[in-house]
Amino acid sequence: MFLLGAGAVAAVAALVIRSQVESNRRELFSANAFRRLAALGHMAGEPASVGAVSVLRDFHAWEPKRLLRNRAASILARMEDELGRKVEAD
């Protein structure tokens, strides 16, 4: 019974986390600069993935504010380095 409950809680938590990640990615292209900054902060804490790199490249090309473009560039560089190290390790 305990394992069934723990599995259900883990499944719900995974769905909530996935929803939050998708929501923050949508906010990355918000008209509000503070929401874009918050979304970048969230993405900075995510592990590197091909999808995240792709979204950050699109954001970097689209973003009109230099400060946010520079923040995206630094996150993008970290993620690209992390992915490069993963490929070399394999």
PDB file of N, CA and C in Angstrom:
ATOM      1  N   MET A   1       0.823  -1.185   0.000  1.00  0.00           N
ATOM      2  CA  MET A   1       0.000   0.000   0.000  1.00  0.00           C
ATOM      3  C   MET A   1       0.880   1.268   0.000  1.00  0.00           C
ATOM      4  N   PHE A   2       1.925   1.211   0.825  1.00  0.00           N
ATOM      5  CA  PHE A   2       2.824   2.354   0.901  1.00  0.00           C
ATOM      6  C   PHE A   2       3.501   2.612  -0.452  1.00  0.00           C
ATOM      7  N   LEU A   3       3.975   1.566  -1.109  1.00  0.00           N
ATOM      8  CA  LEU A   3       4.642   1.718  -2.406  1.00  0.00           C
ATOM      9  C   LEU A   3       3.696   2.269  -3.454  1.00  0.00           C
ATOM     10  N   LEU A   4       2.441   1.857  -3.414  1.00  0.00           N
ATOM     11  CA  LEU A   4       1.449   2.369  -4.354  1.00  0.00           C
ATOM     12  C   LEU A   4       1.229   3.865  -4.142  1.00  0.00           C
ATOM     13  N   GLY A   5       1.128   4.274  -2.882  1.00  0.00           N
ATOM     14  CA  GLY A   5       0.964   5.693  -2.556  1.00  0.00           C
ATOM     15  C   GLY A   5       2.179   6.509  -2.962  1.00  0.00           C
ATOM     16  N   ALA A   6       3.366   5.971  -2.695  1.00  0.00           N
ATOM     17  CA  ALA A   6       4.603   6.674  -3.062  1.00  0.00           C
ATOM     18  C   ALA A   6       4.718   6.813  -4.578  1.00  0.00           C
ATOM     19  N   GLY A   7       4.327   5.777  -5.302  1.00  0.00           N
ATOM     20  CA  GLY A   7       4.355   5.841  -6.764  1.00  0.00           C
ATOM     21  C   GLY A   7       3.387   6.887  -7.307  1.00  0.00           C
ATOM     22  N   ALA A   8       2.212   6.969  -6.700  1.00  0.00           N
ATOM     23  CA  ALA A   8       1.220   7.965  -7.130  1.00  0.00           C
ATOM     24  C   ALA A   8       1.727   9.386  -6.874  1.00  0.00           C
ATOM     25  N   VAL A   9       2.327   9.585  -5.715  1.00  0.00           N
ATOM     26  CA  VAL A   9       2.878  10.906  -5.379  1.00  0.00           C
ATOM     27  C   VAL A   9       3.995  11.270  -6.356  1.00  0.00           C
ATOM     28  N   ALA A  10       4.849  10.327  -6.676  1.00  0.00           N
ATOM     29  CA  ALA A  10       5.947  10.587  -7.614  1.00  0.00           C
ATOM     30  C   ALA A  10       5.408  10.917  -9.000  1.00  0.00           C
ATOM     31  N   ALA A  11       4.360  10.238  -9.433  1.00  0.00           N
ATOM     32  CA  ALA A  11       3.776  10.509 -10.745  1.00  0.00           C
ATOM     33  C   ALA A  11       3.165  11.907 -10.800  1.00  0.00           C
ATOM     34  N   VAL A  12       2.459  12.289  -9.751  1.00  0.00           N
ATOM     35  CA  VAL A  12       1.858  13.628  -9.693  1.00  0.00           C
ATOM     36  C   VAL A  12       2.958  14.691  -9.670  1.00  0.00           C
ATOM     37  N   ALA A  13       4.000  14.458  -8.882  1.00  0.00           N
ATOM     38  CA  ALA A  13       5.112  15.416  -8.819  1.00  0.00           C
ATOM     39  C   ALA A  13       5.772  15.570 -10.177  1.00  0.00           C
ATOM     40  N   ALA A  14       5.968  14.487 -10.902  1.00  0.00           N
ATOM     41  CA  ALA A  14       6.577  14.562 -12.234  1.00  0.00           C
ATOM     42  C   ALA A  14       5.700  15.371 -13.184  1.00  0.00           C
ATOM     43  N   LEU A  15       4.386  15.197 -13.112  1.00  0.00           N
ATOM     44  CA  LEU A  15       3.480  15.965 -13.965  1.00  0.00           C
ATOM     45  C   LEU A  15       3.517  17.456 -13.635  1.00  0.00           C
ATOM     46  N   VAL A  16       3.568  17.775 -12.349  1.00  0.00           N
ATOM     47  CA  VAL A  16       3.622  19.186 -11.935  1.00  0.00           C
ATOM     48  C   VAL A  16       4.921  19.822 -12.398  1.00  0.00           C
ATOM     49  N   ILE A  17       6.028  19.126 -12.224  1.00  0.00           N
ATOM     50  CA  ILE A  17       7.327  19.655 -12.646  1.00  0.00           C
ATOM     51  C   ILE A  17       7.351  19.859 -14.156  1.00  0.00           C
ATOM     52  N   ARG A  18       6.840  18.897 -14.901  1.00  0.00           N
ATOM     53  CA  ARG A  18       6.801  19.020 -16.367  1.00  0.00           C
ATOM     54  C   ARG A  18       5.959  20.219 -16.788  1.00  0.00           C
ATOM     55  N   SER A  19       4.827  20.408 -16.114  1.00  0.00           N
ATOM     56  CA  SER A  19       3.956  21.547 -16.411  1.00  0.00           C
ATOM     57  C   SER A  19       4.675  22.863 -16.136  1.00  0.00           C
ATOM     58  N   GLN A  20       5.405  22.931 -15.023  1.00  0.00           N
ATOM     59  CA  GLN A  20       6.135  24.152 -14.681  1.00  0.00           C
ATOM     60  C   GLN A  20       7.224  24.461 -15.702  1.00  0.00           C
ATOM     61  N   VAL A  21       7.926  23.443 -16.149  1.00  0.00           N
ATOM     62  CA  VAL A  21       8.983  23.643 -17.149  1.00  0.00           C
ATOM     63  C   VAL A  21       8.380  24.179 -18.438  1.00  0.00           C
ATOM     64  N   GLU A  22       7.289  23.595 -18.889  1.00  0.00           N
ATOM     65  CA  GLU A  22       6.640  24.063 -20.117  1.00  0.00           C
ATOM     66  C   GLU A  22       6.134  25.490 -19.952  1.00  0.00           C
ATOM     67  N   SER A  23       5.552  25.795 -18.794  1.00  0.00           N
ATOM     68  CA  SER A  23       5.056  27.143 -18.529  1.00  0.00           C
ATOM     69  C   SER A  23       6.197  28.153 -18.561  1.00  0.00           C
ATOM     70  N   ASN A  24       7.315  27.810 -17.937  1.00  0.00           N
ATOM     71  CA  ASN A  24       8.448  28.737 -17.917  1.00  0.00           C
ATOM     72  C   ASN A  24       9.047  28.921 -19.307  1.00  0.00           C
ATOM     73  N   ARG A  25       9.036  27.885 -20.130  1.00  0.00           N
ATOM     74  CA  ARG A  25       9.528  28.045 -21.493  1.00  0.00           C
ATOM     75  C   ARG A  25       8.619  28.973 -22.287  1.00  0.00           C
ATOM     76  N   ARG A  26       7.313  28.896 -22.060  1.00  0.00           N
ATOM     77  CA  ARG A  26       6.388  29.806 -22.745  1.00  0.00           C
ATOM     78  C   ARG A  26       6.626  31.241 -22.295  1.00  0.00           C
ATOM     79  N   GLU A  27       6.901  31.425 -20.995  1.00  0.00           N
ATOM     80  CA  GLU A  27       7.149  32.763 -20.458  1.00  0.00           C
ATOM     81  C   GLU A  27       8.443  33.363 -21.003  1.00  0.00           C
ATOM     82  N   LEU A  28       9.301  32.550 -21.537  1.00  0.00           N
ATOM     83  CA  LEU A  28      10.557  33.032 -22.092  1.00  0.00           C
ATOM     84  C   LEU A  28      10.320  34.034 -23.223  1.00  0.00           C
ATOM     85  N   PHE A  29       9.196  33.904 -23.906  1.00  0.00           N
ATOM     86  CA  PHE A  29       8.874  34.810 -25.006  1.00  0.00           C
ATOM     87  C   PHE A  29       7.733  35.763 -24.644  1.00  0.00           C
ATOM     88  N   SER A  30       7.538  36.004 -23.358  1.00  0.00           N
ATOM     89  CA  SER A  30       6.506  36.905 -22.868  1.00  0.00           C
ATOM     90  C   SER A  30       6.821  38.353 -23.267  1.00  0.00           C
ATOM     91  N   ALA A  31       5.789  39.171 -23.327  1.00  0.00           N
ATOM     92  CA  ALA A  31       5.983  40.605 -23.591  1.00  0.00           C
ATOM     93  C   ALA A  31       6.594  41.302 -22.371  1.00  0.00           C
ATOM     94  N   ASN A  32       6.469  40.704 -21.199  1.00  0.00           N
ATOM     95  CA  ASN A  32       6.962  41.276 -19.953  1.00  0.00           C
ATOM     96  C   ASN A  32       8.416  40.852 -19.719  1.00  0.00           C
ATOM     97  N   ALA A  33       9.311  41.824 -19.637  1.00  0.00           N
ATOM     98  CA  ALA A  33      10.744  41.537 -19.471  1.00  0.00           C
ATOM     99  C   ALA A  33      11.041  40.825 -18.153  1.00  0.00           C
ATOM    100  N   PHE A  34      10.298  41.137 -17.083  1.00  0.00           N
ATOM    101  CA  PHE A  34      10.532  40.467 -15.804  1.00  0.00           C
ATOM    102  C   PHE A  34      10.166  38.988 -15.887  1.00  0.00           C
ATOM    103  N   ARG A  35       9.126  38.654 -16.625  1.00  0.00           N
ATOM    104  CA  ARG A  35       8.773  37.247 -16.807  1.00  0.00           C
ATOM    105  C   ARG A  35       9.841  36.531 -17.626  1.00  0.00           C
ATOM    106  N   ARG A  36      10.374  37.221 -18.624  1.00  0.00           N
ATOM    107  CA  ARG A  36      11.448  36.620 -19.424  1.00  0.00           C
ATOM    108  C   ARG A  36      12.675  36.371 -18.557  1.00  0.00           C
ATOM    109  N   LEU A  37      12.999  37.334 -17.693  1.00  0.00           N
ATOM    110  CA  LEU A  37      14.141  37.182 -16.792  1.00  0.00           C
ATOM    111  C   LEU A  37      13.917  36.015 -15.827  1.00  0.00           C
ATOM    112  N   ALA A  38      12.714  35.893 -15.293  1.00  0.00           N
ATOM    113  CA  ALA A  38      12.398  34.785 -14.394  1.00  0.00           C
ATOM    114  C   ALA A  38      12.500  33.450 -15.126  1.00  0.00           C
ATOM    115  N   ALA A  39      12.028  33.405 -16.353  1.00  0.00           N
ATOM    116  CA  ALA A  39      12.106  32.173 -17.143  1.00  0.00           C
ATOM    117  C   ALA A  39      13.561  31.803 -17.411  1.00  0.00           C
ATOM    118  N   LEU A  40      14.393  32.798 -17.680  1.00  0.00           N
ATOM    119  CA  LEU A  40      15.828  32.524 -17.865  1.00  0.00           C
ATOM    120  C   LEU A  40      16.446  31.973 -16.589  1.00  0.00           C
ATOM    121  N   GLY A  41      16.045  32.530 -15.458  1.00  0.00           N
ATOM    122  CA  GLY A  41      16.549  32.034 -14.185  1.00  0.00           C
ATOM    123  C   GLY A  41      16.167  30.581 -13.969  1.00  0.00           C
ATOM    124  N   HIS A  42      14.963  30.236 -14.347  1.00  0.00           N
ATOM    125  CA  HIS A  42      14.530  28.851 -14.226  1.00  0.00           C
ATOM    126  C   HIS A  42      15.334  27.953 -15.160  1.00  0.00           C
ATOM    127  N   MET A  43      15.521  28.397 -16.382  1.00  0.00           N
ATOM    128  CA  MET A  43      16.263  27.589 -17.350  1.00  0.00           C
ATOM    129  C   MET A  43      17.727  27.435 -16.941  1.00  0.00           C
ATOM    130  N   ALA A  44      18.255  28.424 -16.250  1.00  0.00           N
ATOM    131  CA  ALA A  44      19.646  28.334 -15.794  1.00  0.00           C
ATOM    132  C   ALA A  44      19.829  27.176 -14.822  1.00  0.00           C
ATOM    133  N   GLY A  45      18.780  26.820 -14.104  1.00  0.00           N
ATOM    134  CA  GLY A  45      18.868  25.728 -13.157  1.00  0.00           C
ATOM    135  C   GLY A  45      18.580  24.368 -13.757  1.00  0.00           C
ATOM    136  N   GLU A  46      18.143  24.339 -15.003  1.00  0.00           N
ATOM    137  CA  GLU A  46      17.831  23.070 -15.663  1.00  0.00           C
ATOM    138  C   GLU A  46      19.105  22.400 -16.155  1.00  0.00           C
ATOM    139  N   PRO A  47      19.093  21.080 -16.209  1.00  0.00           N
ATOM    140  CA  PRO A  47      20.232  20.395 -16.831  1.00  0.00           C
ATOM    141  C   PRO A  47      20.220  20.642 -18.339  1.00  0.00           C
ATOM    142  N   ALA A  48      21.360  20.549 -18.940  1.00  0.00           N
ATOM    143  CA  ALA A  48      21.475  20.785 -20.381  1.00  0.00           C
ATOM    144  C   ALA A  48      20.721  19.726 -21.156  1.00  0.00           C
ATOM    145  N   SER A  49      20.025  20.176 -22.189  1.00  0.00           N
ATOM    146  CA  SER A  49      19.345  19.253 -23.097  1.00  0.00           C
ATOM    147  C   SER A  49      19.325  19.902 -24.476  1.00  0.00           C
ATOM    148  N   VAL A  50      19.149  19.078 -25.483  1.00  0.00           N
ATOM    149  CA  VAL A  50      19.107  19.597 -26.851  1.00  0.00           C
ATOM    150  C   VAL A  50      17.935  20.563 -27.002  1.00  0.00           C
ATOM    151  N   GLY A  51      16.795  20.232 -26.397  1.00  0.00           N
ATOM    152  CA  GLY A  51      15.621  21.100 -26.475  1.00  0.00           C
ATOM    153  C   GLY A  51      15.856  22.456 -25.829  1.00  0.00           C
ATOM    154  N   ALA A  52      16.481  22.460 -24.659  1.00  0.00           N
ATOM    155  CA  ALA A  52      16.761  23.720 -23.961  1.00  0.00           C
ATOM    156  C   ALA A  52      17.735  24.579 -24.768  1.00  0.00           C
ATOM    157  N   VAL A  53      18.741  23.961 -25.361  1.00  0.00           N
ATOM    158  CA  VAL A  53      19.704  24.701 -26.188  1.00  0.00           C
ATOM    159  C   VAL A  53      19.001  25.318 -27.387  1.00  0.00           C
ATOM    160  N   SER A  54      18.122  24.572 -28.001  1.00  0.00           N
ATOM    161  CA  SER A  54      17.385  25.074 -29.162  1.00  0.00           C
ATOM    162  C   SER A  54      16.515  26.275 -28.790  1.00  0.00           C
ATOM    163  N   VAL A  55      15.803  26.156 -27.673  1.00  0.00           N
ATOM    164  CA  VAL A  55      14.939  27.265 -27.230  1.00  0.00           C
ATOM    165  C   VAL A  55      15.778  28.488 -26.889  1.00  0.00           C
ATOM    166  N   LEU A  56      16.903  28.282 -26.220  1.00  0.00           N
ATOM    167  CA  LEU A  56      17.760  29.419 -25.863  1.00  0.00           C
ATOM    168  C   LEU A  56      18.365  30.092 -27.100  1.00  0.00           C
ATOM    169  N   ARG A  57      18.698  29.318 -28.114  1.00  0.00           N
ATOM    170  CA  ARG A  57      19.208  29.921 -29.353  1.00  0.00           C
ATOM    171  C   ARG A  57      18.138  30.793 -30.004  1.00  0.00           C
ATOM    172  N   ASP A  58      16.909  30.277 -30.038  1.00  0.00           N
ATOM    173  CA  ASP A  58      15.802  31.066 -30.597  1.00  0.00           C
ATOM    174  C   ASP A  58      15.580  32.328 -29.784  1.00  0.00           C
ATOM    175  N   PHE A  59      15.606  32.191 -28.446  1.00  0.00           N
ATOM    176  CA  PHE A  59      15.405  33.341 -27.573  1.00  0.00           C
ATOM    177  C   PHE A  59      16.500  34.377 -27.780  1.00  0.00           C
ATOM    178  N   HIS A  60      17.742  33.925 -27.852  1.00  0.00           N
ATOM    179  CA  HIS A  60      18.870  34.840 -28.028  1.00  0.00           C
ATOM    180  C   HIS A  60      18.729  35.643 -29.323  1.00  0.00           C
ATOM    181  N   ALA A  61      18.280  34.993 -30.379  1.00  0.00           N
ATOM    182  CA  ALA A  61      18.095  35.684 -31.657  1.00  0.00           C
ATOM    183  C   ALA A  61      16.909  36.653 -31.601  1.00  0.00           C
ATOM    184  N   TRP A  62      15.911  36.352 -30.790  1.00  0.00           N
ATOM    185  CA  TRP A  62      14.676  37.142 -30.739  1.00  0.00           C
ATOM    186  C   TRP A  62      14.732  38.286 -29.737  1.00  0.00           C
ATOM    187  N   GLU A  63      15.432  38.120 -28.626  1.00  0.00           N
ATOM    188  CA  GLU A  63      15.383  39.058 -27.501  1.00  0.00           C
ATOM    189  C   GLU A  63      15.904  40.445 -27.865  1.00  0.00           C
ATOM    190  N   PRO A  64      15.078  41.488 -27.645  1.00  0.00           N
ATOM    191  CA  PRO A  64      15.515  42.857 -27.964  1.00  0.00           C
ATOM    192  C   PRO A  64      16.416  43.499 -26.891  1.00  0.00           C
ATOM    193  N   LYS A  65      16.321  43.050 -25.644  1.00  0.00           N
ATOM    194  CA  LYS A  65      17.102  43.678 -24.562  1.00  0.00           C
ATOM    195  C   LYS A  65      18.469  43.008 -24.418  1.00  0.00           C
ATOM    196  N   ARG A  66      19.512  43.835 -24.439  1.00  0.00           N
ATOM    197  CA  ARG A  66      20.881  43.327 -24.387  1.00  0.00           C
ATOM    198  C   ARG A  66      21.155  42.542 -23.110  1.00  0.00           C
ATOM    199  N   LEU A  67      20.679  43.021 -21.966  1.00  0.00           N
ATOM    200  CA  LEU A  67      20.919  42.340 -20.693  1.00  0.00           C
ATOM    201  C   LEU A  67      20.376  40.907 -20.723  1.00  0.00           C
ATOM    202  N   LEU A  68      19.169  40.745 -21.228  1.00  0.00           N
ATOM    203  CA  LEU A  68      18.568  39.411 -21.293  1.00  0.00           C
ATOM    204  C   LEU A  68      19.244  38.546 -22.355  1.00  0.00           C
ATOM    205  N   ARG A  69      19.652  39.163 -23.449  1.00  0.00           N
ATOM    206  CA  ARG A  69      20.390  38.415 -24.482  1.00  0.00           C
ATOM    207  C   ARG A  69      21.704  37.892 -23.928  1.00  0.00           C
ATOM    208  N   ASN A  70      22.404  38.732 -23.162  1.00  0.00           N
ATOM    209  CA  ASN A  70      23.683  38.316 -22.566  1.00  0.00           C
ATOM    210  C   ASN A  70      23.484  37.199 -21.550  1.00  0.00           C
ATOM    211  N   ARG A  71      22.423  37.297 -20.749  1.00  0.00           N
ATOM    212  CA  ARG A  71      22.122  36.232 -19.772  1.00  0.00           C
ATOM    213  C   ARG A  71      21.838  34.925 -20.502  1.00  0.00           C
ATOM    214  N   ALA A  72      21.049  34.994 -21.559  1.00  0.00           N
ATOM    215  CA  ALA A  72      20.743  33.802 -22.349  1.00  0.00           C
ATOM    216  C   ALA A  72      22.014  33.223 -22.961  1.00  0.00           C
ATOM    217  N   ALA A  73      22.902  34.084 -23.430  1.00  0.00           N
ATOM    218  CA  ALA A  73      24.152  33.623 -24.045  1.00  0.00           C
ATOM    219  C   ALA A  73      25.012  32.868 -23.034  1.00  0.00           C
ATOM    220  N   SER A  74      25.053  33.349 -21.790  1.00  0.00           N
ATOM    221  CA  SER A  74      25.871  32.666 -20.786  1.00  0.00           C
ATOM    222  C   SER A  74      25.264  31.313 -20.410  1.00  0.00           C
ATOM    223  N   ILE A  75      23.947  31.244 -20.300  1.00  0.00           N
ATOM    224  CA  ILE A  75      23.280  29.968 -20.011  1.00  0.00           C
ATOM    225  C   ILE A  75      23.478  29.014 -21.184  1.00  0.00           C
ATOM    226  N   LEU A  76      23.351  29.544 -22.383  1.00  0.00           N
ATOM    227  CA  LEU A  76      23.516  28.739 -23.593  1.00  0.00           C
ATOM    228  C   LEU A  76      24.933  28.168 -23.679  1.00  0.00           C
ATOM    229  N   ALA A  77      25.930  28.978 -23.393  1.00  0.00           N
ATOM    230  CA  ALA A  77      27.324  28.511 -23.436  1.00  0.00           C
ATOM    231  C   ALA A  77      27.547  27.389 -22.433  1.00  0.00           C
ATOM    232  N   ARG A  78      26.996  27.543 -21.216  1.00  0.00           N
ATOM    233  CA  ARG A  78      27.141  26.491 -20.204  1.00  0.00           C
ATOM    234  C   ARG A  78      26.493  25.194 -20.667  1.00  0.00           C
ATOM    235  N   MET A  79      25.282  25.306 -21.217  1.00  0.00           N
ATOM    236  CA  MET A  79      24.569  24.108 -21.656  1.00  0.00           C
ATOM    237  C   MET A  79      25.275  23.434 -22.835  1.00  0.00           C
ATOM    238  N   GLU A  80      25.790  24.227 -23.761  1.00  0.00           N
ATOM    239  CA  GLU A  80      26.514  23.643 -24.893  1.00  0.00           C
ATOM    240  C   GLU A  80      27.778  22.934 -24.424  1.00  0.00           C
ATOM    241  N   ASP A  81      28.495  23.535 -23.465  1.00  0.00           N
ATOM    242  CA  ASP A  81      29.686  22.887 -22.911  1.00  0.00           C
ATOM    243  C   ASP A  81      29.316  21.591 -22.208  1.00  0.00           C
ATOM    244  N   GLU A  82      28.232  21.629 -21.447  1.00  0.00           N
ATOM    245  CA  GLU A  82      27.784  20.437 -20.723  1.00  0.00           C
ATOM    246  C   GLU A  82      27.402  19.319 -21.687  1.00  0.00           C
ATOM    247  N   LEU A  83      26.691  19.664 -22.767  1.00  0.00           N
ATOM    248  CA  LEU A  83      26.322  18.663 -23.756  1.00  0.00           C
ATOM    249  C   LEU A  83      27.563  18.123 -24.488  1.00  0.00           C
ATOM    250  N   GLY A  84      28.515  19.005 -24.761  1.00  0.00           N
ATOM    251  CA  GLY A  84      29.755  18.578 -25.420  1.00  0.00           C
ATOM    252  C   GLY A  84      30.531  17.590 -24.556  1.00  0.00           C
ATOM    253  N   ARG A  85      30.570  17.841 -23.249  1.00  0.00           N
ATOM    254  CA  ARG A  85      31.255  16.914 -22.349  1.00  0.00           C
ATOM    255  C   ARG A  85      30.532  15.572 -22.275  1.00  0.00           C
ATOM    256  N   LYS A  86      29.205  15.599 -22.349  1.00  0.00           N
ATOM    257  CA  LYS A  86      28.441  14.342 -22.338  1.00  0.00           C
ATOM    258  C   LYS A  86      28.746  13.519 -23.577  1.00  0.00           C
ATOM    259  N   VAL A  87      28.840  14.195 -24.728  1.00  0.00           N
ATOM    260  CA  VAL A  87      29.128  13.487 -25.991  1.00  0.00           C
ATOM    261  C   VAL A  87      30.523  12.901 -25.936  1.00  0.00           C
ATOM    262  N   GLU A  88      31.497  13.652 -25.441  1.00  0.00           N
ATOM    263  CA  GLU A  88      32.875  13.158 -25.353  1.00  0.00           C
ATOM    264  C   GLU A  88      32.977  11.975 -24.402  1.00  0.00           C
ATOM    265  N   ALA A  89      32.193  11.991 -23.335  1.00  0.00           N
ATOM    266  CA  ALA A  89      32.227  10.906 -22.354  1.00  0.00           C
ATOM    267  C   ALA A  89      31.643   9.616 -22.923  1.00  0.00           C
ATOM    268  N   ASP A  90      30.715   9.760 -23.835  1.00  0.00           N
ATOM    269  CA  ASP A  90      30.092   8.564 -24.451  1.00  0.00           C
ATOM    270  C   ASP A  90      30.968   8.068 -25.522  1.00  0.00           C
TER     271      ASP A  90
END
